[in-house]
PDB file of N, CA and C in Angstrom:
ATOM      1  N   UNK A   1      15.842  98.743  42.521  1.00  0.00           N
ATOM      2  CA  UNK A   1      17.233  98.370  42.541  1.00  0.00           C
ATOM      3  C   UNK A   1      17.867  98.910  43.807  1.00  0.00           C
ATOM      4  N   UNK A   2      18.743  98.109  44.376  1.00  0.00           N
ATOM      5  CA  UNK A   2      19.395  98.466  45.615  1.00  0.00           C
ATOM      6  C   UNK A   2      20.709  99.159  45.290  1.00  0.00           C
ATOM      7  N   UNK A   3      20.895 100.323  45.804  1.00  0.00           N
ATOM      8  CA  UNK A   3      22.113 101.086  45.541  1.00  0.00           C
ATOM      9  C   UNK A   3      23.022 100.981  46.755  1.00  0.00           C
ATOM     10  N   UNK A   4      24.127 100.229  46.591  1.00  0.00           N
ATOM     11  CA  UNK A   4      25.037 100.021  47.705  1.00  0.00           C
ATOM     12  C   UNK A   4      26.394 100.588  47.312  1.00  0.00           C
ATOM     13  N   UNK A   5      26.984 101.314  48.217  1.00  0.00           N
ATOM     14  CA  UNK A   5      28.325 101.870  47.987  1.00  0.00           C
ATOM     15  C   UNK A   5      29.347 100.856  48.507  1.00  0.00           C
ATOM     16  N   UNK A   6      30.281 100.509  47.651  1.00  0.00           N
ATOM     17  CA  UNK A   6      31.321  99.565  48.025  1.00  0.00           C
ATOM     18  C   UNK A   6      32.658 100.271  47.835  1.00  0.00           C
ATOM     19  N   UNK A   7      33.532 100.069  48.790  1.00  0.00           N
ATOM     20  CA  UNK A   7      34.845 100.715  48.681  1.00  0.00           C
ATOM     21  C   UNK A   7      35.627 100.099  47.526  1.00  0.00           C
ATOM     22  N   UNK A   8      36.510 100.861  46.905  1.00  0.00           N
ATOM     23  CA  UNK A   8      37.310 100.341  45.787  1.00  0.00           C
ATOM     24  C   UNK A   8      38.171  99.137  46.203  1.00  0.00           C
ATOM     25  N   UNK A   9      38.641  99.138  47.424  1.00  0.00           N
ATOM     26  CA  UNK A   9      39.460  98.024  47.909  1.00  0.00           C
ATOM     27  C   UNK A   9      38.644  96.727  47.957  1.00  0.00           C
ATOM     28  N   UNK A  10      37.452  96.800  48.468  1.00  0.00           N
ATOM     29  CA  UNK A  10      36.586  95.615  48.543  1.00  0.00           C
ATOM     30  C   UNK A  10      36.229  95.139  47.140  1.00  0.00           C
ATOM     31  N   UNK A  11      35.952  96.067  46.242  1.00  0.00           N
ATOM     32  CA  UNK A  11      35.616  95.712  44.869  1.00  0.00           C
ATOM     33  C   UNK A  11      36.812  95.040  44.179  1.00  0.00           C
ATOM     34  N   UNK A  12      38.011  95.591  44.362  1.00  0.00           N
ATOM     35  CA  UNK A  12      39.213  94.989  43.778  1.00  0.00           C
ATOM     36  C   UNK A  12      39.450  93.582  44.330  1.00  0.00           C
ATOM     37  N   UNK A  13      39.253  93.428  45.622  1.00  0.00           N
ATOM     38  CA  UNK A  13      39.428  92.121  46.246  1.00  0.00           C
ATOM     39  C   UNK A  13      38.425  91.125  45.684  1.00  0.00           C
ATOM     40  N   UNK A  14      37.182  91.567  45.514  1.00  0.00           N
ATOM     41  CA  UNK A  14      36.141  90.697  44.968  1.00  0.00           C
ATOM     42  C   UNK A  14      36.478  90.287  43.529  1.00  0.00           C
ATOM     43  N   UNK A  15      36.894  91.228  42.712  1.00  0.00           N
ATOM     44  CA  UNK A  15      37.239  90.933  41.316  1.00  0.00           C
ATOM     45  C   UNK A  15      38.428  89.968  41.254  1.00  0.00           C
ATOM     46  N   UNK A  16      39.416  90.223  42.093  1.00  0.00           N
ATOM     47  CA  UNK A  16      40.584  89.340  42.144  1.00  0.00           C
ATOM     48  C   UNK A  16      40.164  87.917  42.525  1.00  0.00           C
ATOM     49  N   UNK A  17      39.300  87.800  43.492  1.00  0.00           N
ATOM     50  CA  UNK A  17      38.808  86.495  43.927  1.00  0.00           C
ATOM     51  C   UNK A  17      38.040  85.792  42.814  1.00  0.00           C
ATOM     52  N   UNK A  18      37.208  86.532  42.116  1.00  0.00           N
ATOM     53  CA  UNK A  18      36.446  85.954  41.004  1.00  0.00           C
ATOM     54  C   UNK A  18      37.388  85.444  39.914  1.00  0.00           C
ATOM     55  N   UNK A  19      38.429  86.203  39.621  1.00  0.00           N
ATOM     56  CA  UNK A  19      39.397  85.771  38.606  1.00  0.00           C
ATOM     57  C   UNK A  19      40.126  84.501  39.049  1.00  0.00           C
ATOM     58  N   UNK A  20      40.464  84.413  40.323  1.00  0.00           N
ATOM     59  CA  UNK A  20      41.111  83.208  40.840  1.00  0.00           C
ATOM     60  C   UNK A  20      40.189  82.000  40.731  1.00  0.00           C
ATOM     61  N   UNK A  21      38.923  82.210  41.034  1.00  0.00           N
ATOM     62  CA  UNK A  21      37.951  81.113  40.945  1.00  0.00           C
ATOM     63  C   UNK A  21      37.840  80.622  39.504  1.00  0.00           C
ATOM     64  N   UNK A  22      37.746  81.548  38.553  1.00  0.00           N
ATOM     65  CA  UNK A  22      37.652  81.178  37.139  1.00  0.00           C
ATOM     66  C   UNK A  22      38.901  80.407  36.707  1.00  0.00           C
ATOM     67  N   UNK A  23      40.079  80.892  37.118  1.00  0.00           N
ATOM     68  CA  UNK A  23      41.331  80.226  36.750  1.00  0.00           C
ATOM     69  C   UNK A  23      41.377  78.803  37.322  1.00  0.00           C
ATOM     70  N   UNK A  24      40.987  78.647  38.570  1.00  0.00           N
ATOM     71  CA  UNK A  24      40.998  77.321  39.200  1.00  0.00           C
ATOM     72  C   UNK A  24      39.984  76.384  38.555  1.00  0.00           C
ATOM     73  N   UNK A  25      38.842  76.917  38.149  1.00  0.00           N
ATOM     74  CA  UNK A  25      37.831  76.079  37.503  1.00  0.00           C
ATOM     75  C   UNK A  25      38.291  75.608  36.130  1.00  0.00           C
ATOM     76  N   UNK A  26      39.123  76.389  35.465  1.00  0.00           N
ATOM     77  CA  UNK A  26      39.642  75.996  34.149  1.00  0.00           C
ATOM     78  C   UNK A  26      40.674  74.881  34.259  1.00  0.00           C
ATOM     79  N   UNK A  27      41.405  74.852  35.347  1.00  0.00           N
ATOM     80  CA  UNK A  27      42.447  73.834  35.512  1.00  0.00           C
ATOM     81  C   UNK A  27      41.911  72.706  36.387  1.00  0.00           C
ATOM     82  N   UNK A  28      41.100  71.892  35.785  1.00  0.00           N
ATOM     83  CA  UNK A  28      40.495  70.776  36.516  1.00  0.00           C
ATOM     84  C   UNK A  28      41.570  69.750  36.872  1.00  0.00           C
ATOM     85  N   UNK A  29      41.498  69.179  38.055  1.00  0.00           N
ATOM     86  CA  UNK A  29      42.509  68.203  38.471  1.00  0.00           C
ATOM     87  C   UNK A  29      42.332  66.822  37.832  1.00  0.00           C
ATOM     88  N   UNK A  30      41.187  66.568  37.228  1.00  0.00           N
ATOM     89  CA  UNK A  30      40.911  65.235  36.687  1.00  0.00           C
ATOM     90  C   UNK A  30      41.937  64.779  35.645  1.00  0.00           C
ATOM     91  N   UNK A  31      42.318  65.607  34.661  1.00  0.00           N
ATOM     92  CA  UNK A  31      43.309  65.124  33.685  1.00  0.00           C
ATOM     93  C   UNK A  31      44.653  64.770  34.327  1.00  0.00           C
ATOM     94  N   UNK A  32      45.117  65.595  35.240  1.00  0.00           N
ATOM     95  CA  UNK A  32      46.395  65.311  35.905  1.00  0.00           C
ATOM     96  C   UNK A  32      46.286  64.040  36.742  1.00  0.00           C
ATOM     97  N   UNK A  33      45.170  63.874  37.422  1.00  0.00           N
ATOM     98  CA  UNK A  33      44.961  62.674  38.232  1.00  0.00           C
ATOM     99  C   UNK A  33      44.915  61.434  37.342  1.00  0.00           C
ATOM    100  N   UNK A  34      44.214  61.535  36.233  1.00  0.00           N
ATOM    101  CA  UNK A  34      44.112  60.412  35.307  1.00  0.00           C
ATOM    102  C   UNK A  34      45.489  60.027  34.771  1.00  0.00           C
ATOM    103  N   UNK A  35      46.279  61.018  34.416  1.00  0.00           N
ATOM    104  CA  UNK A  35      47.638  60.765  33.922  1.00  0.00           C
ATOM    105  C   UNK A  35      48.479  60.090  35.003  1.00  0.00           C
ATOM    106  N   UNK A  36      48.389  60.576  36.221  1.00  0.00           N
ATOM    107  CA  UNK A  36      49.168  60.002  37.324  1.00  0.00           C
ATOM    108  C   UNK A  36      48.736  58.570  37.624  1.00  0.00           C
ATOM    109  N   UNK A  37      47.451  58.311  37.601  1.00  0.00           N
ATOM    110  CA  UNK A  37      46.964  56.952  37.848  1.00  0.00           C
ATOM    111  C   UNK A  37      47.430  55.996  36.751  1.00  0.00           C
ATOM    112  N   UNK A  38      47.437  56.468  35.517  1.00  0.00           N
ATOM    113  CA  UNK A  38      47.945  55.652  34.415  1.00  0.00           C
ATOM    114  C   UNK A  38      49.416  55.331  34.594  1.00  0.00           C
ATOM    115  N   UNK A  39      50.161  56.314  35.043  1.00  0.00           N
ATOM    116  CA  UNK A  39      51.599  56.102  35.288  1.00  0.00           C
ATOM    117  C   UNK A  39      51.809  55.089  36.419  1.00  0.00           C
ATOM    118  N   UNK A  40      50.987  55.176  37.459  1.00  0.00           N
ATOM    119  CA  UNK A  40      51.083  54.216  38.565  1.00  0.00           C
ATOM    120  C   UNK A  40      50.792  52.802  38.058  1.00  0.00           C
ATOM    121  N   UNK A  41      49.796  52.660  37.200  1.00  0.00           N
ATOM    122  CA  UNK A  41      49.483  51.343  36.630  1.00  0.00           C
ATOM    123  C   UNK A  41      50.657  50.808  35.810  1.00  0.00           C
ATOM    124  N   UNK A  42      51.272  51.690  34.994  1.00  0.00           N
ATOM    125  CA  UNK A  42      52.435  51.272  34.202  1.00  0.00           C
ATOM    126  C   UNK A  42      53.576  50.813  35.102  1.00  0.00           C
ATOM    127  N   UNK A  43      53.815  51.553  36.172  1.00  0.00           N
ATOM    128  CA  UNK A  43      54.882  51.184  37.100  1.00  0.00           C
ATOM    129  C   UNK A  43      54.580  49.862  37.796  1.00  0.00           C
ATOM    130  N   UNK A  44      53.313  49.629  38.123  1.00  0.00           N
ATOM    131  CA  UNK A  44      52.931  48.365  38.762  1.00  0.00           C
ATOM    132  C   UNK A  44      53.178  47.193  37.812  1.00  0.00           C
ATOM    133  N   UNK A  45      52.885  47.383  36.536  1.00  0.00           N
ATOM    134  CA  UNK A  45      53.131  46.335  35.536  1.00  0.00           C
ATOM    135  C   UNK A  45      54.629  46.075  35.408  1.00  0.00           C
ATOM    136  N   UNK A  46      55.418  47.157  35.349  1.00  0.00           N
ATOM    137  CA  UNK A  46      56.878  47.005  35.270  1.00  0.00           C
ATOM    138  C   UNK A  46      57.424  46.288  36.497  1.00  0.00           C
ATOM    139  N   UNK A  47      56.901  46.632  37.661  1.00  0.00           N
ATOM    140  CA  UNK A  47      57.356  46.002  38.900  1.00  0.00           C
ATOM    141  C   UNK A  47      57.021  44.513  38.906  1.00  0.00           C
ATOM    142  N   UNK A  48      55.823  44.175  38.482  1.00  0.00           N
ATOM    143  CA  UNK A  48      55.404  42.769  38.421  1.00  0.00           C
ATOM    144  C   UNK A  48      56.312  41.977  37.478  1.00  0.00           C
ATOM    145  N   UNK A  49      56.614  42.557  36.317  1.00  0.00           N
ATOM    146  CA  UNK A  49      57.491  41.880  35.358  1.00  0.00           C
ATOM    147  C   UNK A  49      58.891  41.687  35.946  1.00  0.00           C
ATOM    148  N   UNK A  50      59.391  42.695  36.631  1.00  0.00           N
ATOM    149  CA  UNK A  50      60.720  42.587  37.246  1.00  0.00           C
ATOM    150  C   UNK A  50      60.732  41.518  38.336  1.00  0.00           C
ATOM    151  N   UNK A  51      59.662  41.447  39.108  1.00  0.00           N
ATOM    152  CA  UNK A  51      59.583  40.426  40.157  1.00  0.00           C
ATOM    153  C   UNK A  51      59.533  39.028  39.555  1.00  0.00           C
ATOM    154  N   UNK A  52      58.833  38.875  38.438  1.00  0.00           N
ATOM    155  CA  UNK A  52      58.777  37.566  37.780  1.00  0.00           C
ATOM    156  C   UNK A  52      60.145  37.166  37.242  1.00  0.00           C
ATOM    157  N   UNK A  53      60.854  38.143  36.637  1.00  0.00           N
ATOM    158  CA  UNK A  53      62.206  37.841  36.145  1.00  0.00           C
ATOM    159  C   UNK A  53      63.118  37.466  37.297  1.00  0.00           C
ATOM    160  N   UNK A  54      62.998  38.176  38.398  1.00  0.00           N
ATOM    161  CA  UNK A  54      63.835  37.900  39.560  1.00  0.00           C
ATOM    162  C   UNK A  54      63.540  36.517  40.127  1.00  0.00           C
ATOM    163  N   UNK A  55      62.260  36.150  40.202  1.00  0.00           N
ATOM    164  CA  UNK A  55      61.927  34.830  40.749  1.00  0.00           C
ATOM    165  C   UNK A  55      62.430  33.719  39.829  1.00  0.00           C
ATOM    166  N   UNK A  56      62.382  33.934  38.523  1.00  0.00           N
ATOM    167  CA  UNK A  56      62.930  32.938  37.592  1.00  0.00           C
ATOM    168  C   UNK A  56      64.435  32.820  37.768  1.00  0.00           C
ATOM    169  N   UNK A  57      65.093  33.953  37.967  1.00  0.00           N
ATOM    170  CA  UNK A  57      66.540  33.946  38.171  1.00  0.00           C
ATOM    171  C   UNK A  57      66.890  33.218  39.460  1.00  0.00           C
ATOM    172  N   UNK A  58      66.117  33.435  40.496  1.00  0.00           N
ATOM    173  CA  UNK A  58      66.390  32.813  41.793  1.00  0.00           C
ATOM    174  C   UNK A  58      66.201  31.299  41.725  1.00  0.00           C
ATOM    175  N   UNK A  59      65.285  30.841  40.881  1.00  0.00           N
ATOM    176  CA  UNK A  59      65.034  29.400  40.763  1.00  0.00           C
ATOM    177  C   UNK A  59      66.022  28.709  39.837  1.00  0.00           C
ATOM    178  N   UNK A  60      66.731  29.482  39.000  1.00  0.00           N
ATOM    179  CA  UNK A  60      67.659  28.896  38.042  1.00  0.00           C
ATOM    180  C   UNK A  60      68.899  28.389  38.762  1.00  0.00           C
ATOM    181  N   UNK A  61      69.228  27.116  38.592  1.00  0.00           N
ATOM    182  CA  UNK A  61      70.437  26.605  39.253  1.00  0.00           C
ATOM    183  C   UNK A  61      71.680  27.227  38.635  1.00  0.00           C
ATOM    184  N   UNK A  62      72.728  27.288  39.411  1.00  0.00           N
ATOM    185  CA  UNK A  62      73.957  27.920  38.934  1.00  0.00           C
ATOM    186  C   UNK A  62      74.599  27.139  37.797  1.00  0.00           C
ATOM    187  N   UNK A  63      74.274  25.877  37.667  1.00  0.00           N
ATOM    188  CA  UNK A  63      74.803  25.072  36.577  1.00  0.00           C
ATOM    189  C   UNK A  63      76.140  24.430  36.900  1.00  0.00           C
ATOM    190  N   UNK A  64      76.698  24.736  38.037  1.00  0.00           N
ATOM    191  CA  UNK A  64      77.986  24.161  38.418  1.00  0.00           C
ATOM    192  C   UNK A  64      77.748  22.817  39.091  1.00  0.00           C
ATOM    193  N   UNK A  65      78.335  21.790  38.522  1.00  0.00           N
ATOM    194  CA  UNK A  65      78.188  20.459  39.122  1.00  0.00           C
ATOM    195  C   UNK A  65      79.330  20.219  40.099  1.00  0.00           C
ATOM    196  N   UNK A  66      79.164  19.209  40.921  1.00  0.00           N
ATOM    197  CA  UNK A  66      80.220  18.852  41.869  1.00  0.00           C
ATOM    198  C   UNK A  66      81.507  18.503  41.131  1.00  0.00           C
ATOM    199  N   UNK A  67      81.360  17.850  39.985  1.00  0.00           N
ATOM    200  CA  UNK A  67      82.540  17.451  39.210  1.00  0.00           C
ATOM    201  C   UNK A  67      83.295  18.677  38.689  1.00  0.00           C
ATOM    202  N   UNK A  68      82.568  19.652  38.174  1.00  0.00           N
ATOM    203  CA  UNK A  68      83.249  20.843  37.651  1.00  0.00           C
ATOM    204  C   UNK A  68      83.921  21.624  38.774  1.00  0.00           C
ATOM    205  N   UNK A  69      83.307  21.653  39.948  1.00  0.00           N
ATOM    206  CA  UNK A  69      83.940  22.322  41.089  1.00  0.00           C
ATOM    207  C   UNK A  69      85.209  21.589  41.508  1.00  0.00           C
ATOM    208  N   UNK A  70      85.159  20.270  41.480  1.00  0.00           N
ATOM    209  CA  UNK A  70      86.339  19.475  41.829  1.00  0.00           C
ATOM    210  C   UNK A  70      87.475  19.763  40.851  1.00  0.00           C
ATOM    211  N   UNK A  71      87.141  19.868  39.561  1.00  0.00           N
ATOM    212  CA  UNK A  71      88.160  20.162  38.552  1.00  0.00           C
ATOM    213  C   UNK A  71      88.791  21.535  38.774  1.00  0.00           C
ATOM    214  N   UNK A  72      87.993  22.509  39.133  1.00  0.00           N
ATOM    215  CA  UNK A  72      88.522  23.853  39.405  1.00  0.00           C
ATOM    216  C   UNK A  72      89.486  23.809  40.578  1.00  0.00           C
ATOM    217  N   UNK A  73      89.105  23.117  41.632  1.00  0.00           N
ATOM    218  CA  UNK A  73      89.972  23.031  42.811  1.00  0.00           C
ATOM    219  C   UNK A  73      91.279  22.308  42.493  1.00  0.00           C
ATOM    220  N   UNK A  74      91.211  21.291  41.653  1.00  0.00           N
ATOM    221  CA  UNK A  74      92.431  20.582  41.242  1.00  0.00           C
ATOM    222  C   UNK A  74      93.306  21.500  40.393  1.00  0.00           C
ATOM    223  N   UNK A  75      92.682  22.249  39.464  1.00  0.00           N
ATOM    224  CA  UNK A  75      93.441  23.183  38.623  1.00  0.00           C
ATOM    225  C   UNK A  75      94.143  24.248  39.461  1.00  0.00           C
ATOM    226  N   UNK A  76      93.518  24.655  40.540  1.00  0.00           N
ATOM    227  CA  UNK A  76      94.140  25.644  41.426  1.00  0.00           C
ATOM    228  C   UNK A  76      95.279  25.035  42.239  1.00  0.00           C
ATOM    229  N   UNK A  77      95.334  23.739  42.311  1.00  0.00           N
ATOM    230  CA  UNK A  77      96.377  23.067  43.078  1.00  0.00           C
ATOM    231  C   UNK A  77      96.076  23.002  44.560  1.00  0.00           C
ATOM    232  N   UNK A  78      94.823  23.156  44.908  1.00  0.00           N
ATOM    233  CA  UNK A  78      94.412  23.154  46.314  1.00  0.00           C
ATOM    234  C   UNK A  78      94.685  21.798  46.956  1.00  0.00           C
ATOM    235  N   UNK A  79      94.554  20.738  46.168  1.00  0.00           N
ATOM    236  CA  UNK A  79      94.723  19.392  46.728  1.00  0.00           C
ATOM    237  C   UNK A  79      96.185  19.025  46.995  1.00  0.00           C
ATOM    238  N   UNK A  80      97.125  19.799  46.453  1.00  0.00           N
ATOM    239  CA  UNK A  80      98.542  19.444  46.586  1.00  0.00           C
ATOM    240  C   UNK A  80      99.306  20.325  47.564  1.00  0.00           C
ATOM    241  N   UNK A  81      98.779  21.509  47.845  1.00  0.00           N
ATOM    242  CA  UNK A  81      99.560  22.429  48.677  1.00  0.00           C
ATOM    243  C   UNK A  81      98.666  23.132  49.697  1.00  0.00           C
ATOM    244  N   UNK A  82      98.985  22.998  50.981  1.00  0.00           N
ATOM    245  CA  UNK A  82      98.212  23.702  52.007  1.00  0.00           C
ATOM    246  C   UNK A  82      98.332  25.219  51.882  1.00  0.00           C
ATOM    247  N   UNK A  83      99.482  25.698  51.368  1.00  0.00           N
ATOM    248  CA  UNK A  83      99.655  27.145  51.189  1.00  0.00           C
ATOM    249  C   UNK A  83      98.699  27.681  50.120  1.00  0.00           C
ATOM    250  N   UNK A  84      98.578  26.951  49.027  1.00  0.00           N
ATOM    251  CA  UNK A  84      97.647  27.340  47.959  1.00  0.00           C
ATOM    252  C   UNK A  84      96.216  27.263  48.476  1.00  0.00           C
ATOM    253  N   UNK A  85      95.914  26.244  49.241  1.00  0.00           N
ATOM    254  CA  UNK A  85      94.574  26.105  49.821  1.00  0.00           C
ATOM    255  C   UNK A  85      94.261  27.295  50.715  1.00  0.00           C
ATOM    256  N   UNK A  86      95.251  27.750  51.484  1.00  0.00           N
ATOM    257  CA  UNK A  86      95.047  28.905  52.366  1.00  0.00           C
ATOM    258  C   UNK A  86      94.804  30.169  51.552  1.00  0.00           C
ATOM    259  N   UNK A  87      95.530  30.306  50.412  1.00  0.00           N
ATOM    260  CA  UNK A  87      95.346  31.478  49.548  1.00  0.00           C
ATOM    261  C   UNK A  87      93.925  31.533  48.987  1.00  0.00           C
ATOM    262  N   UNK A  88      93.368  30.393  48.677  1.00  0.00           N
ATOM    263  CA  UNK A  88      92.047  30.331  48.039  1.00  0.00           C
ATOM    264  C   UNK A  88      90.932  29.987  49.032  1.00  0.00           C
ATOM    265  N   UNK A  89      91.206  30.137  50.291  1.00  0.00           N
ATOM    266  CA  UNK A  89      90.243  29.747  51.329  1.00  0.00           C
ATOM    267  C   UNK A  89      88.915  30.496  51.191  1.00  0.00           C
ATOM    268  N   UNK A  90      88.982  31.808  50.955  1.00  0.00           N
ATOM    269  CA  UNK A  90      87.745  32.594  50.834  1.00  0.00           C
ATOM    270  C   UNK A  90      86.950  32.166  49.603  1.00  0.00           C
ATOM    271  N   UNK A  91      87.654  31.925  48.497  1.00  0.00           N
ATOM    272  CA  UNK A  91      87.003  31.466  47.276  1.00  0.00           C
ATOM    273  C   UNK A  91      86.286  30.136  47.510  1.00  0.00           C
ATOM    274  N   UNK A  92      86.966  29.224  48.150  1.00  0.00           N
ATOM    275  CA  UNK A  92      86.386  27.904  48.438  1.00  0.00           C
ATOM    276  C   UNK A  92      85.186  28.034  49.375  1.00  0.00           C
ATOM    277  N   UNK A  93      85.291  28.911  50.360  1.00  0.00           N
ATOM    278  CA  UNK A  93      84.171  29.128  51.286  1.00  0.00           C
ATOM    279  C   UNK A  93      82.957  29.666  50.538  1.00  0.00           C
ATOM    280  N   UNK A  94      83.179  30.588  49.595  1.00  0.00           N
ATOM    281  CA  UNK A  94      82.065  31.125  48.800  1.00  0.00           C
ATOM    282  C   UNK A  94      81.414  30.042  47.955  1.00  0.00           C
ATOM    283  N   UNK A  95      82.227  29.162  47.382  1.00  0.00           N
ATOM    284  CA  UNK A  95      81.673  28.061  46.580  1.00  0.00           C
ATOM    285  C   UNK A  95      80.826  27.146  47.465  1.00  0.00           C
ATOM    286  N   UNK A  96      81.317  26.846  48.648  1.00  0.00           N
ATOM    287  CA  UNK A  96      80.585  25.951  49.552  1.00  0.00           C
ATOM    288  C   UNK A  96      79.262  26.554  49.999  1.00  0.00           C
ATOM    289  N   UNK A  97      79.199  27.875  50.130  1.00  0.00           N
ATOM    290  CA  UNK A  97      77.943  28.527  50.546  1.00  0.00           C
ATOM    291  C   UNK A  97      76.873  28.431  49.467  1.00  0.00           C
ATOM    292  N   UNK A  98      77.314  28.367  48.235  1.00  0.00           N
ATOM    293  CA  UNK A  98      76.358  28.329  47.128  1.00  0.00           C
ATOM    294  C   UNK A  98      75.858  26.927  46.952  1.00  0.00           C
TER     295      UNK A  98
END
């Protein structure tokens, strides 16, 4: 048997290191990684569903016909008064953009 003298400081450092190694080996990263990957998959599914809803919304027509828009403008009195037309100019411009 080899008899080696080791200083108490070196021995304490070695024991501390061994304890750290044991602690790190007990806390394997695989479960946390698996949980995170599952969460990423869930978020990807949620994102895909939201994108599909958004694309359906974008394709849905507003439902306003030319006739109904004409009726709204008549109800506002735009056709009878230039002053009223000026008041509603921004509203009319927004309708025309759509």
